[in-house]
């Protein structure tokens, strides 16, 4: 971590990126890093792939949408919560133009793609790693920094209920709460605040849950026509894979989502199987308990057949 601190301290103009389709851990981590760097007197800009998901609007809009026509040349590019260079998409141009690069992440399948890398595959969220980095750097934890780190950690731990949570996680959450953050409001926005069309959409998904392998494999399928029916963008459809994960007897949950020009897969494990190994077979990655990938040039039906086959092989040994 010392090499990362030295590079940060010697840089003045810094770009901050996260994986495409930025989730709450990515957004919270980027915002916290931006605030910390700004407090150090540095110019720091978050460059996102697109507008954030609707349910994350409460976090504010402190980012720029990347344009290929204006590639910034910076002293440093920091990638957060990103397992490999492919997951930043066209923003790789920013990464390639930077004098120095840093990769801070918690995905076990991280490819160590930067000049300086700090990856803790046991950390439940990138926000937790940043807390430890800021602690070493002597960064003052303001209310805004604490709020973003807490949001990041809460989101990637499912409100502290996933098996990745460790005693250190709870201690960090307690320290962040001491900064007078409204943790109840954060939880409400993250978990209990959905538009009626999203609620009806999820109800439709629940009626179409598929089970395989005696109920150990549970799948939900999101077709573009269903999104259109409820007037929803795929990025705002929520973490629908958890609908499947909650089914009694489920060991592996999968969501298959149809979007323009590709099919997105999300995998969740309830503890018995390492789904990152399944995602890796498709060129994706993640954690033992949560992984994903986006596939191009394949139909929804083709993808489902291959996914079912691979999951059945894993479940049946």
C-alpha atoms as a PDB file:
ATOM      1  CA  UNK A   1       0.000   0.000   0.000  1.00  0.00           C
ATOM      2  CA  UNK A   2       2.962   2.352   0.556  1.00  0.00           C
ATOM      3  CA  UNK A   3       3.760   2.519  -3.165  1.00  0.00           C
ATOM      4  CA  UNK A   4       0.161   3.595  -3.837  1.00  0.00           C
ATOM      5  CA  UNK A   5       0.356   6.308  -1.176  1.00  0.00           C
ATOM      6  CA  UNK A   6       3.626   7.623  -2.643  1.00  0.00           C
ATOM      7  CA  UNK A   7       2.194   7.802  -6.164  1.00  0.00           C
ATOM      8  CA  UNK A   8      -0.929   9.599  -4.928  1.00  0.00           C
ATOM      9  CA  UNK A   9       1.101  12.124  -2.937  1.00  0.00           C
ATOM     10  CA  UNK A  10       3.315  12.912  -5.942  1.00  0.00           C
ATOM     11  CA  UNK A  11       0.372  13.415  -8.340  1.00  0.00           C
ATOM     12  CA  UNK A  12      -1.643  16.598  -8.838  1.00  0.00           C
ATOM     13  CA  UNK A  13      -4.138  15.875 -11.639  1.00  0.00           C
ATOM     14  CA  UNK A  14      -6.018  12.610 -11.051  1.00  0.00           C
ATOM     15  CA  UNK A  15      -8.713  10.685 -12.927  1.00  0.00           C
ATOM     16  CA  UNK A  16     -10.900   8.241 -10.994  1.00  0.00           C
ATOM     17  CA  UNK A  17     -12.662   5.328 -12.722  1.00  0.00           C
ATOM     18  CA  UNK A  18     -14.682   2.278 -11.720  1.00  0.00           C
ATOM     19  CA  UNK A  19     -16.206  -0.617 -13.633  1.00  0.00           C
ATOM     20  CA  UNK A  20     -18.929   0.019 -16.203  1.00  0.00           C
ATOM     21  CA  UNK A  21     -22.506   0.086 -14.892  1.00  0.00           C
ATOM     22  CA  UNK A  22     -21.260   1.575 -11.654  1.00  0.00           C
ATOM     23  CA  UNK A  23     -22.957   0.121  -8.573  1.00  0.00           C
ATOM     24  CA  UNK A  24     -23.102   1.614  -5.087  1.00  0.00           C
ATOM     25  CA  UNK A  25     -19.666   0.304  -4.031  1.00  0.00           C
ATOM     26  CA  UNK A  26     -18.131   1.778  -7.179  1.00  0.00           C
ATOM     27  CA  UNK A  27     -19.943   5.117  -6.860  1.00  0.00           C
ATOM     28  CA  UNK A  28     -19.344   5.478  -3.113  1.00  0.00           C
ATOM     29  CA  UNK A  29     -15.673   4.545  -3.461  1.00  0.00           C
ATOM     30  CA  UNK A  30     -15.135   6.994  -6.338  1.00  0.00           C
ATOM     31  CA  UNK A  31     -16.863   9.825  -4.497  1.00  0.00           C
ATOM     32  CA  UNK A  32     -14.931   9.156  -1.294  1.00  0.00           C
ATOM     33  CA  UNK A  33     -11.644   9.105  -3.190  1.00  0.00           C
ATOM     34  CA  UNK A  34     -12.527  12.334  -5.016  1.00  0.00           C
ATOM     35  CA  UNK A  35     -13.313  14.078  -1.726  1.00  0.00           C
ATOM     36  CA  UNK A  36     -10.146  12.817  -0.035  1.00  0.00           C
ATOM     37  CA  UNK A  37      -7.953  13.931  -2.938  1.00  0.00           C
ATOM     38  CA  UNK A  38      -9.662  17.323  -3.138  1.00  0.00           C
ATOM     39  CA  UNK A  39      -9.033  17.836   0.589  1.00  0.00           C
ATOM     40  CA  UNK A  40      -5.349  17.164  -0.177  1.00  0.00           C
ATOM     41  CA  UNK A  41      -5.381  20.019  -2.683  1.00  0.00           C
ATOM     42  CA  UNK A  42      -5.406  17.840  -5.770  1.00  0.00           C
ATOM     43  CA  UNK A  43      -7.568  18.069  -8.886  1.00  0.00           C
ATOM     44  CA  UNK A  44      -9.668  14.885  -8.956  1.00  0.00           C
ATOM     45  CA  UNK A  45     -12.419  13.996 -11.439  1.00  0.00           C
ATOM     46  CA  UNK A  46     -14.629  10.884 -11.527  1.00  0.00           C
ATOM     47  CA  UNK A  47     -15.276   9.686 -15.082  1.00  0.00           C
ATOM     48  CA  UNK A  48     -18.265   7.327 -15.301  1.00  0.00           C
ATOM     49  CA  UNK A  49     -19.407   5.144 -18.190  1.00  0.00           C
ATOM     50  CA  UNK A  50     -22.993   6.466 -18.100  1.00  0.00           C
ATOM     51  CA  UNK A  51     -25.550   8.031 -15.785  1.00  0.00           C
ATOM     52  CA  UNK A  52     -25.834   6.093 -12.542  1.00  0.00           C
ATOM     53  CA  UNK A  53     -28.733   3.800 -11.697  1.00  0.00           C
ATOM     54  CA  UNK A  54     -31.888   5.641 -10.679  1.00  0.00           C
ATOM     55  CA  UNK A  55     -31.850   4.274  -7.113  1.00  0.00           C
ATOM     56  CA  UNK A  56     -28.368   5.762  -6.555  1.00  0.00           C
ATOM     57  CA  UNK A  57     -29.393   9.329  -7.390  1.00  0.00           C
ATOM     58  CA  UNK A  58     -29.523  10.071  -3.653  1.00  0.00           C
ATOM     59  CA  UNK A  59     -25.708   9.866  -3.651  1.00  0.00           C
ATOM     60  CA  UNK A  60     -25.502  12.976  -5.836  1.00  0.00           C
ATOM     61  CA  UNK A  61     -23.978  13.547  -9.252  1.00  0.00           C
ATOM     62  CA  UNK A  62     -20.277  14.223  -8.794  1.00  0.00           C
ATOM     63  CA  UNK A  63     -18.960  12.741 -12.024  1.00  0.00           C
ATOM     64  CA  UNK A  64     -18.463  13.434 -15.714  1.00  0.00           C
ATOM     65  CA  UNK A  65     -19.604  11.126 -18.501  1.00  0.00           C
ATOM     66  CA  UNK A  66     -16.566  10.115 -20.532  1.00  0.00           C
ATOM     67  CA  UNK A  67     -16.367  11.362 -24.114  1.00  0.00           C
ATOM     68  CA  UNK A  68     -13.898   9.801 -26.558  1.00  0.00           C
ATOM     69  CA  UNK A  69     -13.482  13.240 -28.113  1.00  0.00           C
ATOM     70  CA  UNK A  70     -11.964  14.653 -24.917  1.00  0.00           C
ATOM     71  CA  UNK A  71      -9.497  12.221 -23.363  1.00  0.00           C
ATOM     72  CA  UNK A  72      -7.841  13.873 -20.344  1.00  0.00           C
ATOM     73  CA  UNK A  73      -4.094  13.475 -19.874  1.00  0.00           C
ATOM     74  CA  UNK A  74      -3.500  13.149 -16.141  1.00  0.00           C
ATOM     75  CA  UNK A  75      -0.672  12.488 -13.716  1.00  0.00           C
ATOM     76  CA  UNK A  76      -2.551   9.513 -12.337  1.00  0.00           C
ATOM     77  CA  UNK A  77      -5.504   7.276 -13.129  1.00  0.00           C
ATOM     78  CA  UNK A  78      -7.012   5.365 -10.198  1.00  0.00           C
ATOM     79  CA  UNK A  79      -9.262   2.402 -10.976  1.00  0.00           C
ATOM     80  CA  UNK A  80     -11.567   1.342  -8.156  1.00  0.00           C
ATOM     81  CA  UNK A  81     -13.698  -1.782  -7.776  1.00  0.00           C
ATOM     82  CA  UNK A  82     -12.637  -3.041 -11.207  1.00  0.00           C
ATOM     83  CA  UNK A  83     -11.433  -6.608 -11.762  1.00  0.00           C
ATOM     84  CA  UNK A  84      -9.769  -6.130 -15.157  1.00  0.00           C
ATOM     85  CA  UNK A  85      -8.986  -3.443 -17.716  1.00  0.00           C
ATOM     86  CA  UNK A  86     -11.804  -4.610 -19.984  1.00  0.00           C
ATOM     87  CA  UNK A  87     -14.390  -3.564 -17.419  1.00  0.00           C
ATOM     88  CA  UNK A  88     -13.659   0.140 -17.816  1.00  0.00           C
ATOM     89  CA  UNK A  89     -14.637  -0.014 -21.498  1.00  0.00           C
ATOM     90  CA  UNK A  90     -13.736   2.973 -23.690  1.00  0.00           C
ATOM     91  CA  UNK A  91     -12.362   4.812 -20.675  1.00  0.00           C
ATOM     92  CA  UNK A  92      -9.249   2.676 -21.094  1.00  0.00           C
ATOM     93  CA  UNK A  93      -8.069   5.649 -23.172  1.00  0.00           C
ATOM     94  CA  UNK A  94      -7.829   7.692 -19.937  1.00  0.00           C
ATOM     95  CA  UNK A  95      -5.928   4.880 -18.250  1.00  0.00           C
ATOM     96  CA  UNK A  96      -3.472   4.553 -21.144  1.00  0.00           C
ATOM     97  CA  UNK A  97      -2.761   8.306 -21.281  1.00  0.00           C
ATOM     98  CA  UNK A  98      -2.028   8.662 -17.564  1.00  0.00           C
ATOM     99  CA  UNK A  99       1.587   8.928 -16.384  1.00  0.00           C
ATOM    100  CA  UNK A 100       0.868   6.535 -13.498  1.00  0.00           C
ATOM    101  CA  UNK A 101      -1.900   4.008 -12.802  1.00  0.00           C
ATOM    102  CA  UNK A 102      -3.322   2.481  -9.619  1.00  0.00           C
ATOM    103  CA  UNK A 103      -5.737  -0.422  -9.194  1.00  0.00           C
ATOM    104  CA  UNK A 104      -7.583  -0.820  -5.853  1.00  0.00           C
ATOM    105  CA  UNK A 105     -10.104  -3.634  -5.714  1.00  0.00           C
ATOM    106  CA  UNK A 106     -11.636  -6.548  -3.782  1.00  0.00           C
ATOM    107  CA  UNK A 107     -12.426  -9.001  -6.595  1.00  0.00           C
ATOM    108  CA  UNK A 108     -10.570 -12.293  -6.209  1.00  0.00           C
ATOM    109  CA  UNK A 109     -10.190 -12.601  -9.989  1.00  0.00           C
ATOM    110  CA  UNK A 110      -8.469  -9.201 -10.382  1.00  0.00           C
ATOM    111  CA  UNK A 111      -5.782  -9.285 -13.117  1.00  0.00           C
ATOM    112  CA  UNK A 112      -3.397  -6.756 -11.462  1.00  0.00           C
ATOM    113  CA  UNK A 113      -3.499  -4.560 -14.558  1.00  0.00           C
ATOM    114  CA  UNK A 114      -2.036  -1.305 -13.196  1.00  0.00           C
ATOM    115  CA  UNK A 115       1.416  -0.008 -12.351  1.00  0.00           C
ATOM    116  CA  UNK A 116       0.568  -0.260  -8.637  1.00  0.00           C
ATOM    117  CA  UNK A 117      -2.059  -2.726  -7.410  1.00  0.00           C
ATOM    118  CA  UNK A 118      -3.711  -3.260  -4.064  1.00  0.00           C
ATOM    119  CA  UNK A 119      -6.232  -6.087  -4.142  1.00  0.00           C
ATOM    120  CA  UNK A 120      -7.761  -7.704  -1.068  1.00  0.00           C
ATOM    121  CA  UNK A 121      -9.992 -10.551  -2.188  1.00  0.00           C
ATOM    122  CA  UNK A 122     -11.195 -11.049   1.392  1.00  0.00           C
ATOM    123  CA  UNK A 123     -12.522  -7.503   1.727  1.00  0.00           C
ATOM    124  CA  UNK A 124     -16.300  -7.381   1.256  1.00  0.00           C
ATOM    125  CA  UNK A 125     -16.183  -4.007  -0.525  1.00  0.00           C
ATOM    126  CA  UNK A 126     -13.740  -1.611  -2.105  1.00  0.00           C
ATOM    127  CA  UNK A 127     -15.082   0.980   0.325  1.00  0.00           C
ATOM    128  CA  UNK A 128     -13.561  -0.995   3.195  1.00  0.00           C
ATOM    129  CA  UNK A 129     -10.132  -1.017   1.514  1.00  0.00           C
ATOM    130  CA  UNK A 130     -10.340   2.746   0.998  1.00  0.00           C
ATOM    131  CA  UNK A 131     -11.111   3.251   4.677  1.00  0.00           C
ATOM    132  CA  UNK A 132      -7.850   1.479   5.508  1.00  0.00           C
ATOM    133  CA  UNK A 133      -5.957   3.439   2.831  1.00  0.00           C
ATOM    134  CA  UNK A 134      -7.278   6.759   4.138  1.00  0.00           C
ATOM    135  CA  UNK A 135      -6.364   5.701   7.674  1.00  0.00           C
ATOM    136  CA  UNK A 136      -2.748   5.121   6.607  1.00  0.00           C
ATOM    137  CA  UNK A 137      -2.672   8.382   4.655  1.00  0.00           C
ATOM    138  CA  UNK A 138      -4.011  10.387   7.582  1.00  0.00           C
ATOM    139  CA  UNK A 139      -7.086  11.517   5.632  1.00  0.00           C
ATOM    140  CA  UNK A 140      -9.655  13.238   7.853  1.00  0.00           C
ATOM    141  CA  UNK A 141     -12.945  11.336   7.664  1.00  0.00           C
ATOM    142  CA  UNK A 142     -15.456  14.090   7.000  1.00  0.00           C
ATOM    143  CA  UNK A 143     -19.186  13.444   7.102  1.00  0.00           C
ATOM    144  CA  UNK A 144     -19.343  13.253   3.286  1.00  0.00           C
ATOM    145  CA  UNK A 145     -16.425  10.822   2.993  1.00  0.00           C
ATOM    146  CA  UNK A 146     -17.873   8.652   5.765  1.00  0.00           C
ATOM    147  CA  UNK A 147     -21.321   8.659   4.142  1.00  0.00           C
ATOM    148  CA  UNK A 148     -19.928   7.453   0.816  1.00  0.00           C
ATOM    149  CA  UNK A 149     -17.731   4.770   2.347  1.00  0.00           C
ATOM    150  CA  UNK A 150     -20.612   3.508   4.501  1.00  0.00           C
ATOM    151  CA  UNK A 151     -22.919   3.372   1.452  1.00  0.00           C
ATOM    152  CA  UNK A 152     -20.288   1.451  -0.508  1.00  0.00           C
ATOM    153  CA  UNK A 153     -19.754  -1.108   2.245  1.00  0.00           C
ATOM    154  CA  UNK A 154     -23.435  -1.502   3.097  1.00  0.00           C
ATOM    155  CA  UNK A 155     -24.381  -2.101  -0.533  1.00  0.00           C
ATOM    156  CA  UNK A 156     -21.729  -4.730  -1.300  1.00  0.00           C
ATOM    157  CA  UNK A 157     -22.463  -6.617   1.920  1.00  0.00           C
ATOM    158  CA  UNK A 158     -26.238  -6.653   1.413  1.00  0.00           C
ATOM    159  CA  UNK A 159     -26.672  -4.489   4.506  1.00  0.00           C
ATOM    160  CA  UNK A 160     -23.970  -6.478   6.349  1.00  0.00           C
ATOM    161  CA  UNK A 161     -25.660  -9.856   5.880  1.00  0.00           C
ATOM    162  CA  UNK A 162     -23.308 -11.606   3.421  1.00  0.00           C
ATOM    163  CA  UNK A 163     -20.677 -14.132   4.483  1.00  0.00           C
ATOM    164  CA  UNK A 164     -17.894 -11.768   3.325  1.00  0.00           C
ATOM    165  CA  UNK A 165     -18.537  -9.538   6.361  1.00  0.00           C
ATOM    166  CA  UNK A 166     -15.812  -9.820   8.984  1.00  0.00           C
ATOM    167  CA  UNK A 167     -15.395  -8.250  12.442  1.00  0.00           C
ATOM    168  CA  UNK A 168     -13.211  -5.546  10.897  1.00  0.00           C
ATOM    169  CA  UNK A 169     -16.127  -4.609   8.615  1.00  0.00           C
ATOM    170  CA  UNK A 170     -18.439  -3.996  11.543  1.00  0.00           C
ATOM    171  CA  UNK A 171     -15.772  -2.003  13.386  1.00  0.00           C
ATOM    172  CA  UNK A 172     -15.271   0.217  10.332  1.00  0.00           C
ATOM    173  CA  UNK A 173     -19.040   0.714   9.972  1.00  0.00           C
ATOM    174  CA  UNK A 174     -19.178   1.795  13.616  1.00  0.00           C
ATOM    175  CA  UNK A 175     -16.352   4.298  13.092  1.00  0.00           C
ATOM    176  CA  UNK A 176     -18.107   5.729  10.040  1.00  0.00           C
ATOM    177  CA  UNK A 177     -21.355   6.081  12.000  1.00  0.00           C
ATOM    178  CA  UNK A 178     -19.487   8.220  14.530  1.00  0.00           C
ATOM    179  CA  UNK A 179     -19.174  10.854  11.770  1.00  0.00           C
ATOM    180  CA  UNK A 180     -22.863  11.653  12.217  1.00  0.00           C
ATOM    181  CA  UNK A 181     -24.055   9.932   9.046  1.00  0.00           C
ATOM    182  CA  UNK A 182     -27.728   9.038   8.635  1.00  0.00           C
ATOM    183  CA  UNK A 183     -27.305   5.263   8.275  1.00  0.00           C
ATOM    184  CA  UNK A 184     -31.059   4.611   8.401  1.00  0.00           C
ATOM    185  CA  UNK A 185     -31.660   6.953   5.477  1.00  0.00           C
ATOM    186  CA  UNK A 186     -28.870   5.289   3.475  1.00  0.00           C
ATOM    187  CA  UNK A 187     -30.430   1.868   4.125  1.00  0.00           C
ATOM    188  CA  UNK A 188     -33.858   3.092   3.069  1.00  0.00           C
ATOM    189  CA  UNK A 189     -32.580   4.492  -0.223  1.00  0.00           C
ATOM    190  CA  UNK A 190     -30.569   1.351  -0.957  1.00  0.00           C
ATOM    191  CA  UNK A 191     -33.137  -1.296   0.008  1.00  0.00           C
ATOM    192  CA  UNK A 192     -36.606   0.130   0.632  1.00  0.00           C
ATOM    193  CA  UNK A 193     -37.291   2.768  -1.990  1.00  0.00           C
ATOM    194  CA  UNK A 194     -38.482   1.451  -5.376  1.00  0.00           C
ATOM    195  CA  UNK A 195     -40.837   3.005  -7.967  1.00  0.00           C
ATOM    196  CA  UNK A 196     -44.121   1.173  -8.535  1.00  0.00           C
ATOM    197  CA  UNK A 197     -43.147   0.044 -12.046  1.00  0.00           C
ATOM    198  CA  UNK A 198     -40.021  -1.664 -10.657  1.00  0.00           C
ATOM    199  CA  UNK A 199     -42.138  -3.409  -8.008  1.00  0.00           C
ATOM    200  CA  UNK A 200     -44.578  -4.692 -10.646  1.00  0.00           C
ATOM    201  CA  UNK A 201     -41.679  -5.740 -12.888  1.00  0.00           C
ATOM    202  CA  UNK A 202     -40.156  -7.801 -10.071  1.00  0.00           C
ATOM    203  CA  UNK A 203     -43.545  -9.348  -9.359  1.00  0.00           C
ATOM    204  CA  UNK A 204     -43.652 -10.522 -12.957  1.00  0.00           C
ATOM    205  CA  UNK A 205     -40.166 -12.013 -12.609  1.00  0.00           C
ATOM    206  CA  UNK A 206     -41.206 -13.912  -9.497  1.00  0.00           C
ATOM    207  CA  UNK A 207     -43.995 -15.566 -11.477  1.00  0.00           C
ATOM    208  CA  UNK A 208     -41.444 -16.817 -14.026  1.00  0.00           C
ATOM    209  CA  UNK A 209     -38.709 -18.246 -11.800  1.00  0.00           C
ATOM    210  CA  UNK A 210     -37.130 -21.436 -13.221  1.00  0.00           C
ATOM    211  CA  UNK A 211     -35.637 -24.238 -11.139  1.00  0.00           C
ATOM    212  CA  UNK A 212     -33.178 -26.948 -12.178  1.00  0.00           C
ATOM    213  CA  UNK A 213     -31.125 -29.650 -10.446  1.00  0.00           C
ATOM    214  CA  UNK A 214     -33.858 -30.383  -7.951  1.00  0.00           C
ATOM    215  CA  UNK A 215     -34.173 -26.702  -7.054  1.00  0.00           C
ATOM    216  CA  UNK A 216     -30.465 -26.129  -6.397  1.00  0.00           C
ATOM    217  CA  UNK A 217     -30.140 -23.955  -9.510  1.00  0.00           C
ATOM    218  CA  UNK A 218     -32.637 -21.074  -9.708  1.00  0.00           C
ATOM    219  CA  UNK A 219     -32.815 -18.705 -12.671  1.00  0.00           C
ATOM    220  CA  UNK A 220     -34.601 -15.471 -13.549  1.00  0.00           C
ATOM    221  CA  UNK A 221     -34.708 -14.216 -17.125  1.00  0.00           C
ATOM    222  CA  UNK A 222     -35.128 -10.576 -18.104  1.00  0.00           C
ATOM    223  CA  UNK A 223     -36.073 -10.071 -21.744  1.00  0.00           C
ATOM    224  CA  UNK A 224     -35.918  -6.669 -23.393  1.00  0.00           C
ATOM    225  CA  UNK A 225     -39.644  -6.870 -24.132  1.00  0.00           C
ATOM    226  CA  UNK A 226     -40.326  -7.159 -20.392  1.00  0.00           C
ATOM    227  CA  UNK A 227     -38.223  -4.082 -19.653  1.00  0.00           C
ATOM    228  CA  UNK A 228     -40.066  -2.201 -22.396  1.00  0.00           C
ATOM    229  CA  UNK A 229     -43.423  -3.309 -20.996  1.00  0.00           C
ATOM    230  CA  UNK A 230     -42.702  -1.667 -17.647  1.00  0.00           C
ATOM    231  CA  UNK A 231     -40.734   1.271 -19.044  1.00  0.00           C
ATOM    232  CA  UNK A 232     -37.468   0.291 -17.360  1.00  0.00           C
ATOM    233  CA  UNK A 233     -33.845   0.628 -18.423  1.00  0.00           C
ATOM    234  CA  UNK A 234     -31.845  -2.520 -17.689  1.00  0.00           C
ATOM    235  CA  UNK A 235     -29.435  -0.638 -15.407  1.00  0.00           C
ATOM    236  CA  UNK A 236     -32.405   0.409 -13.249  1.00  0.00           C
ATOM    237  CA  UNK A 237     -33.933  -3.066 -12.985  1.00  0.00           C
ATOM    238  CA  UNK A 238     -32.133  -3.758  -9.729  1.00  0.00           C
ATOM    239  CA  UNK A 239     -30.124  -6.731  -8.502  1.00  0.00           C
ATOM    240  CA  UNK A 240     -32.725  -9.202  -9.753  1.00  0.00           C
ATOM    241  CA  UNK A 241     -30.463 -12.207  -9.226  1.00  0.00           C
ATOM    242  CA  UNK A 242     -31.287 -11.938  -5.508  1.00  0.00           C
ATOM    243  CA  UNK A 243     -34.905 -12.771  -6.332  1.00  0.00           C
ATOM    244  CA  UNK A 244     -33.655 -16.192  -7.388  1.00  0.00           C
ATOM    245  CA  UNK A 245     -31.176 -16.475  -4.527  1.00  0.00           C
ATOM    246  CA  UNK A 246     -33.954 -16.216  -1.919  1.00  0.00           C
ATOM    247  CA  UNK A 247     -35.770 -19.333  -3.122  1.00  0.00           C
ATOM    248  CA  UNK A 248     -35.655 -22.171  -0.582  1.00  0.00           C
ATOM    249  CA  UNK A 249     -33.132 -24.835  -1.560  1.00  0.00           C
ATOM    250  CA  UNK A 250     -31.228 -22.577  -3.942  1.00  0.00           C
ATOM    251  CA  UNK A 251     -27.468 -23.131  -4.062  1.00  0.00           C
ATOM    252  CA  UNK A 252     -26.683 -21.178  -7.262  1.00  0.00           C
ATOM    253  CA  UNK A 253     -28.802 -18.261  -8.460  1.00  0.00           C
ATOM    254  CA  UNK A 254     -28.494 -16.823 -11.959  1.00  0.00           C
ATOM    255  CA  UNK A 255     -30.030 -13.827 -13.686  1.00  0.00           C
ATOM    256  CA  UNK A 256     -29.914 -13.698 -17.491  1.00  0.00           C
ATOM    257  CA  UNK A 257     -30.609 -10.189 -18.775  1.00  0.00           C
ATOM    258  CA  UNK A 258     -31.090  -9.165 -22.376  1.00  0.00           C
ATOM    259  CA  UNK A 259     -29.726  -5.739 -23.346  1.00  0.00           C
ATOM    260  CA  UNK A 260     -28.861  -4.280 -26.759  1.00  0.00           C
ATOM    261  CA  UNK A 261     -26.038  -6.254 -28.413  1.00  0.00           C
ATOM    262  CA  UNK A 262     -25.286  -8.434 -25.382  1.00  0.00           C
ATOM    263  CA  UNK A 263     -26.578 -10.710 -22.646  1.00  0.00           C
ATOM    264  CA  UNK A 264     -25.589 -10.037 -19.031  1.00  0.00           C
ATOM    265  CA  UNK A 265     -25.159 -12.819 -16.503  1.00  0.00           C
ATOM    266  CA  UNK A 266     -25.056 -12.475 -12.723  1.00  0.00           C
ATOM    267  CA  UNK A 267     -24.251 -15.431 -10.468  1.00  0.00           C
ATOM    268  CA  UNK A 268     -24.804 -15.774  -6.726  1.00  0.00           C
ATOM    269  CA  UNK A 269     -23.873 -18.628  -4.430  1.00  0.00           C
ATOM    270  CA  UNK A 270     -25.513 -19.413  -1.121  1.00  0.00           C
ATOM    271  CA  UNK A 271     -22.221 -20.759   0.191  1.00  0.00           C
ATOM    272  CA  UNK A 272     -21.612 -24.209  -1.235  1.00  0.00           C
ATOM    273  CA  UNK A 273     -20.190 -23.415  -4.692  1.00  0.00           C
ATOM    274  CA  UNK A 274     -17.661 -20.902  -6.065  1.00  0.00           C
ATOM    275  CA  UNK A 275     -19.541 -19.056  -8.823  1.00  0.00           C
ATOM    276  CA  UNK A 276     -16.468 -17.027  -9.849  1.00  0.00           C
ATOM    277  CA  UNK A 277     -15.193 -20.230 -11.494  1.00  0.00           C
ATOM    278  CA  UNK A 278     -18.369 -20.403 -13.587  1.00  0.00           C
ATOM    279  CA  UNK A 279     -18.079 -16.745 -14.595  1.00  0.00           C
ATOM    280  CA  UNK A 280     -14.432 -17.269 -15.558  1.00  0.00           C
ATOM    281  CA  UNK A 281     -15.480 -19.903 -18.102  1.00  0.00           C
ATOM    282  CA  UNK A 282     -17.327 -17.102 -19.920  1.00  0.00           C
ATOM    283  CA  UNK A 283     -14.462 -14.629 -19.559  1.00  0.00           C
ATOM    284  CA  UNK A 284     -15.991 -12.880 -16.546  1.00  0.00           C
ATOM    285  CA  UNK A 285     -15.013 -12.815 -12.885  1.00  0.00           C
ATOM    286  CA  UNK A 286     -15.870 -11.734  -9.378  1.00  0.00           C
ATOM    287  CA  UNK A 287     -15.998 -13.491  -6.023  1.00  0.00           C
ATOM    288  CA  UNK A 288     -16.798 -16.984  -4.817  1.00  0.00           C
ATOM    289  CA  UNK A 289     -20.234 -15.786  -3.712  1.00  0.00           C
ATOM    290  CA  UNK A 290     -20.951 -13.237  -6.474  1.00  0.00           C
ATOM    291  CA  UNK A 291     -19.728 -12.995 -10.062  1.00  0.00           C
ATOM    292  CA  UNK A 292     -20.810 -11.860 -13.491  1.00  0.00           C
ATOM    293  CA  UNK A 293     -20.063 -11.366 -17.170  1.00  0.00           C
ATOM    294  CA  UNK A 294     -21.506  -9.775 -20.320  1.00  0.00           C
ATOM    295  CA  UNK A 295     -21.620 -11.849 -23.525  1.00  0.00           C
ATOM    296  CA  UNK A 296     -21.855 -10.564 -27.084  1.00  0.00           C
ATOM    297  CA  UNK A 297     -23.009 -12.285 -30.281  1.00  0.00           C
ATOM    298  CA  UNK A 298     -25.157 -14.864 -28.475  1.00  0.00           C
ATOM    299  CA  UNK A 299     -28.913 -15.089 -28.129  1.00  0.00           C
ATOM    300  CA  UNK A 300     -30.704 -15.263 -24.806  1.00  0.00           C
ATOM    301  CA  UNK A 301     -31.719 -18.870 -25.469  1.00  0.00           C
ATOM    302  CA  UNK A 302     -28.186 -19.946 -26.390  1.00  0.00           C
ATOM    303  CA  UNK A 303     -26.736 -18.385 -23.264  1.00  0.00           C
ATOM    304  CA  UNK A 304     -29.316 -19.996 -20.983  1.00  0.00           C
ATOM    305  CA  UNK A 305     -28.604 -23.487 -22.361  1.00  0.00           C
ATOM    306  CA  UNK A 306     -24.857 -23.149 -21.760  1.00  0.00           C
ATOM    307  CA  UNK A 307     -25.340 -21.638 -18.290  1.00  0.00           C
ATOM    308  CA  UNK A 308     -27.706 -24.409 -17.206  1.00  0.00           C
ATOM    309  CA  UNK A 309     -25.301 -27.062 -18.472  1.00  0.00           C
ATOM    310  CA  UNK A 310     -22.260 -25.569 -16.700  1.00  0.00           C
ATOM    311  CA  UNK A 311     -24.131 -25.021 -13.444  1.00  0.00           C
ATOM    312  CA  UNK A 312     -25.491 -28.561 -13.524  1.00  0.00           C
ATOM    313  CA  UNK A 313     -21.932 -29.878 -13.934  1.00  0.00           C
ATOM    314  CA  UNK A 314     -20.768 -27.859 -10.927  1.00  0.00           C
ATOM    315  CA  UNK A 315     -23.712 -28.895  -8.739  1.00  0.00           C
ATOM    316  CA  UNK A 316     -23.476 -32.557  -9.715  1.00  0.00           C
ATOM    317  CA  UNK A 317     -19.708 -32.606  -9.228  1.00  0.00           C
END
